[in-house]
Amino acid sequence: MSDRREEARRRLSELSSRSKQGSSGMNIESIVEAVLGRTPEREMIILVEAAFESNGINPMMESQMVDGILALNEWKKENS
């Protein structure tokens, strides 16, 4: 596992733990920010939101979220 992916998983796991302890859930912007380690661009949030919605009601594991967001981020960089 790459260091980048491992760091992203760690940040997302921390966010998940904090949201479980509090009353707030994880919104898409906070998930993307945790995975990327920076404030995401609006376009990236829209892409991730569309990907999550296309998954339907199927639950996603944190590792799937990380892999998907990192893949979208790479795709976005390559196609900008």
N, C-alpha and C. Protein backbone atom coordinates (compact mmCIF):
# COMPACT_ATOMS: atom_id res chain seq x y z
N MET A 1 0.85 -1.19 0.00
CA MET A 1 0.00 0.00 0.00
C MET A 1 0.90 1.25 0.00
N SER A 2 0.61 2.18 -0.87
CA SER A 2 1.43 3.39 -0.95
C SER A 2 1.25 4.25 0.29
N ASP A 3 2.27 5.03 0.58
CA ASP A 3 2.19 5.94 1.73
C ASP A 3 1.03 6.91 1.59
N ARG A 4 0.83 7.38 0.36
CA ARG A 4 -0.26 8.33 0.10
C ARG A 4 -1.61 7.72 0.43
N ARG A 5 -1.81 6.49 -0.02
CA ARG A 5 -3.07 5.79 0.24
C ARG A 5 -3.22 5.50 1.73
N GLU A 6 -2.15 5.09 2.37
CA GLU A 6 -2.22 4.79 3.79
C GLU A 6 -2.54 6.03 4.62
N GLU A 7 -1.93 7.15 4.26
CA GLU A 7 -2.23 8.41 4.96
C GLU A 7 -3.69 8.82 4.73
N ALA A 8 -4.17 8.64 3.53
CA ALA A 8 -5.56 8.97 3.22
C ALA A 8 -6.50 8.09 4.05
N ARG A 9 -6.20 6.81 4.15
CA ARG A 9 -7.04 5.90 4.96
C ARG A 9 -7.01 6.29 6.42
N ARG A 10 -5.84 6.69 6.91
CA ARG A 10 -5.73 7.10 8.31
C ARG A 10 -6.59 8.34 8.58
N ARG A 11 -6.49 9.33 7.70
CA ARG A 11 -7.29 10.55 7.88
C ARG A 11 -8.78 10.27 7.81
N LEU A 12 -9.20 9.42 6.88
CA LEU A 12 -10.62 9.09 6.75
C LEU A 12 -11.09 8.31 7.98
N SER A 13 -10.27 7.43 8.48
CA SER A 13 -10.62 6.66 9.67
C SER A 13 -10.79 7.57 10.88
N GLU A 14 -9.91 8.55 11.01
CA GLU A 14 -10.02 9.53 12.10
C GLU A 14 -11.32 10.32 11.98
N LEU A 15 -11.65 10.75 10.77
CA LEU A 15 -12.90 11.48 10.54
C LEU A 15 -14.09 10.60 10.91
N SER A 16 -14.06 9.36 10.50
CA SER A 16 -15.14 8.43 10.79
C SER A 16 -15.30 8.24 12.30
N SER A 17 -14.20 8.09 13.00
CA SER A 17 -14.26 7.92 14.46
C SER A 17 -14.84 9.15 15.13
N ARG A 18 -14.42 10.34 14.69
CA ARG A 18 -14.95 11.58 15.27
C ARG A 18 -16.44 11.71 15.00
N SER A 19 -16.88 11.34 13.80
CA SER A 19 -18.30 11.49 13.47
C SER A 19 -19.15 10.50 14.26
N LYS A 20 -18.61 9.32 14.55
CA LYS A 20 -19.34 8.34 15.35
C LYS A 20 -19.48 8.78 16.80
N GLN A 21 -18.47 9.50 17.31
CA GLN A 21 -18.50 9.98 18.68
C GLN A 21 -19.46 11.16 18.84
N GLY A 22 -19.57 11.95 17.82
CA GLY A 22 -20.46 13.11 17.84
C GLY A 22 -21.78 12.76 17.20
N SER A 23 -22.56 13.79 16.97
CA SER A 23 -23.87 13.56 16.38
C SER A 23 -23.88 13.84 14.88
N SER A 24 -22.75 14.32 14.37
CA SER A 24 -22.73 14.66 12.94
C SER A 24 -22.22 13.49 12.12
N GLY A 25 -22.76 13.35 10.94
CA GLY A 25 -22.30 12.32 10.02
C GLY A 25 -21.15 12.86 9.19
N MET A 26 -20.70 12.07 8.26
CA MET A 26 -19.63 12.51 7.36
C MET A 26 -20.26 13.00 6.07
N ASN A 27 -20.05 14.26 5.74
CA ASN A 27 -20.56 14.74 4.46
C ASN A 27 -19.49 14.52 3.39
N ILE A 28 -19.88 14.62 2.15
CA ILE A 28 -18.97 14.30 1.05
C ILE A 28 -17.76 15.23 1.04
N GLU A 29 -17.96 16.50 1.29
CA GLU A 29 -16.84 17.43 1.29
C GLU A 29 -15.81 17.04 2.35
N SER A 30 -16.26 16.68 3.55
CA SER A 30 -15.31 16.30 4.60
C SER A 30 -14.61 14.98 4.29
N ILE A 31 -15.30 14.07 3.63
CA ILE A 31 -14.68 12.80 3.22
C ILE A 31 -13.58 13.07 2.20
N VAL A 32 -13.89 13.88 1.19
CA VAL A 32 -12.92 14.18 0.14
C VAL A 32 -11.73 14.93 0.74
N GLU A 33 -12.00 15.87 1.62
CA GLU A 33 -10.92 16.62 2.27
C GLU A 33 -10.02 15.69 3.08
N ALA A 34 -10.62 14.76 3.81
CA ALA A 34 -9.83 13.81 4.60
C ALA A 34 -8.95 12.94 3.69
N VAL A 35 -9.51 12.46 2.61
CA VAL A 35 -8.75 11.59 1.71
C VAL A 35 -7.62 12.36 1.02
N LEU A 36 -7.91 13.54 0.51
CA LEU A 36 -6.90 14.30 -0.23
C LEU A 36 -5.94 15.05 0.68
N GLY A 37 -6.35 15.30 1.92
CA GLY A 37 -5.49 16.03 2.84
C GLY A 37 -5.46 17.52 2.60
N ARG A 38 -6.44 18.02 1.87
CA ARG A 38 -6.55 19.45 1.57
C ARG A 38 -7.99 19.77 1.24
N THR A 39 -8.31 21.05 1.25
CA THR A 39 -9.65 21.48 0.87
C THR A 39 -9.87 21.17 -0.60
N PRO A 40 -10.91 20.40 -0.91
CA PRO A 40 -11.12 20.00 -2.31
C PRO A 40 -11.77 21.11 -3.13
N GLU A 41 -11.49 21.06 -4.43
CA GLU A 41 -12.17 21.95 -5.36
C GLU A 41 -13.62 21.50 -5.49
N ARG A 42 -14.49 22.41 -5.81
CA ARG A 42 -15.92 22.11 -5.96
C ARG A 42 -16.14 21.01 -7.02
N GLU A 43 -15.39 21.06 -8.10
CA GLU A 43 -15.54 20.06 -9.16
C GLU A 43 -15.26 18.65 -8.64
N MET A 44 -14.26 18.52 -7.76
CA MET A 44 -13.92 17.22 -7.20
C MET A 44 -15.06 16.71 -6.32
N ILE A 45 -15.66 17.58 -5.55
CA ILE A 45 -16.79 17.19 -4.70
C ILE A 45 -17.94 16.69 -5.56
N ILE A 46 -18.21 17.38 -6.67
CA ILE A 46 -19.29 16.99 -7.57
C ILE A 46 -19.01 15.61 -8.17
N LEU A 47 -17.76 15.37 -8.58
CA LEU A 47 -17.40 14.06 -9.14
C LEU A 47 -17.59 12.94 -8.12
N VAL A 48 -17.14 13.17 -6.91
CA VAL A 48 -17.27 12.15 -5.86
C VAL A 48 -18.74 11.93 -5.51
N GLU A 49 -19.50 13.00 -5.43
CA GLU A 49 -20.93 12.88 -5.15
C GLU A 49 -21.62 12.02 -6.21
N ALA A 50 -21.29 12.25 -7.47
CA ALA A 50 -21.88 11.47 -8.56
C ALA A 50 -21.47 10.00 -8.45
N ALA A 51 -20.22 9.75 -8.10
CA ALA A 51 -19.75 8.37 -7.95
C ALA A 51 -20.46 7.68 -6.79
N PHE A 52 -20.61 8.37 -5.68
CA PHE A 52 -21.30 7.79 -4.53
C PHE A 52 -22.76 7.50 -4.87
N GLU A 53 -23.41 8.43 -5.55
CA GLU A 53 -24.81 8.24 -5.92
C GLU A 53 -24.98 7.07 -6.88
N SER A 54 -24.03 6.88 -7.77
CA SER A 54 -24.13 5.78 -8.72
C SER A 54 -23.97 4.42 -8.05
N ASN A 55 -23.43 4.42 -6.85
CA ASN A 55 -23.28 3.18 -6.09
C ASN A 55 -24.61 2.73 -5.49
N GLY A 56 -25.59 3.60 -5.52
CA GLY A 56 -26.91 3.26 -5.00
C GLY A 56 -26.91 3.13 -3.49
N ILE A 57 -27.64 2.15 -3.01
CA ILE A 57 -27.77 1.97 -1.56
C ILE A 57 -26.71 1.03 -0.99
N ASN A 58 -25.82 0.56 -1.85
CA ASN A 58 -24.78 -0.36 -1.41
C ASN A 58 -23.79 0.36 -0.48
N PRO A 59 -23.55 -0.19 0.70
CA PRO A 59 -22.59 0.45 1.61
C PRO A 59 -21.18 0.36 1.04
N MET A 60 -20.39 1.37 1.34
CA MET A 60 -19.01 1.40 0.88
C MET A 60 -18.07 1.32 2.07
N MET A 61 -17.03 0.54 1.92
CA MET A 61 -16.00 0.48 2.95
C MET A 61 -15.10 1.69 2.80
N GLU A 62 -14.45 2.07 3.89
CA GLU A 62 -13.55 3.23 3.84
C GLU A 62 -12.47 3.03 2.78
N SER A 63 -11.95 1.83 2.66
CA SER A 63 -10.88 1.58 1.66
C SER A 63 -11.39 1.81 0.25
N GLN A 64 -12.67 1.49 -0.01
CA GLN A 64 -13.26 1.73 -1.33
C GLN A 64 -13.39 3.23 -1.59
N MET A 65 -13.79 3.97 -0.56
CA MET A 65 -13.89 5.42 -0.71
C MET A 65 -12.54 6.02 -1.04
N VAL A 66 -11.51 5.60 -0.30
CA VAL A 66 -10.16 6.11 -0.52
C VAL A 66 -9.70 5.80 -1.94
N ASP A 67 -9.82 4.54 -2.35
CA ASP A 67 -9.37 4.15 -3.69
C ASP A 67 -10.11 4.92 -4.77
N GLY A 68 -11.42 5.05 -4.61
CA GLY A 68 -12.23 5.75 -5.61
C GLY A 68 -11.90 7.23 -5.70
N ILE A 69 -11.76 7.88 -4.56
CA ILE A 69 -11.46 9.32 -4.55
C ILE A 69 -10.06 9.57 -5.11
N LEU A 70 -9.09 8.75 -4.72
CA LEU A 70 -7.73 8.92 -5.26
C LEU A 70 -7.71 8.68 -6.78
N ALA A 71 -8.47 7.69 -7.25
CA ALA A 71 -8.54 7.41 -8.68
C ALA A 71 -9.19 8.58 -9.43
N LEU A 72 -10.26 9.13 -8.88
CA LEU A 72 -10.91 10.29 -9.51
C LEU A 72 -9.96 11.48 -9.54
N ASN A 73 -9.22 11.67 -8.48
CA ASN A 73 -8.28 12.78 -8.41
C ASN A 73 -7.19 12.63 -9.48
N GLU A 74 -6.68 11.43 -9.65
CA GLU A 74 -5.67 11.18 -10.69
C GLU A 74 -6.27 11.40 -12.09
N TRP A 75 -7.49 10.89 -12.30
CA TRP A 75 -8.15 11.07 -13.58
C TRP A 75 -8.33 12.56 -13.88
N LYS A 76 -8.75 13.30 -12.86
CA LYS A 76 -8.97 14.74 -13.03
C LYS A 76 -7.66 15.45 -13.40
N LYS A 77 -6.57 15.09 -12.74
CA LYS A 77 -5.26 15.70 -13.05
C LYS A 77 -4.84 15.39 -14.49
N GLU A 78 -5.03 14.15 -14.90
CA GLU A 78 -4.62 13.73 -16.24
C GLU A 78 -5.47 14.36 -17.34
N ASN A 79 -6.68 14.76 -17.01
CA ASN A 79 -7.60 15.27 -18.02
C ASN A 79 -7.89 16.76 -17.88
N SER A 80 -7.06 17.44 -17.15
CA SER A 80 -7.26 18.90 -16.99
C SER A 80 -6.46 19.67 -18.01
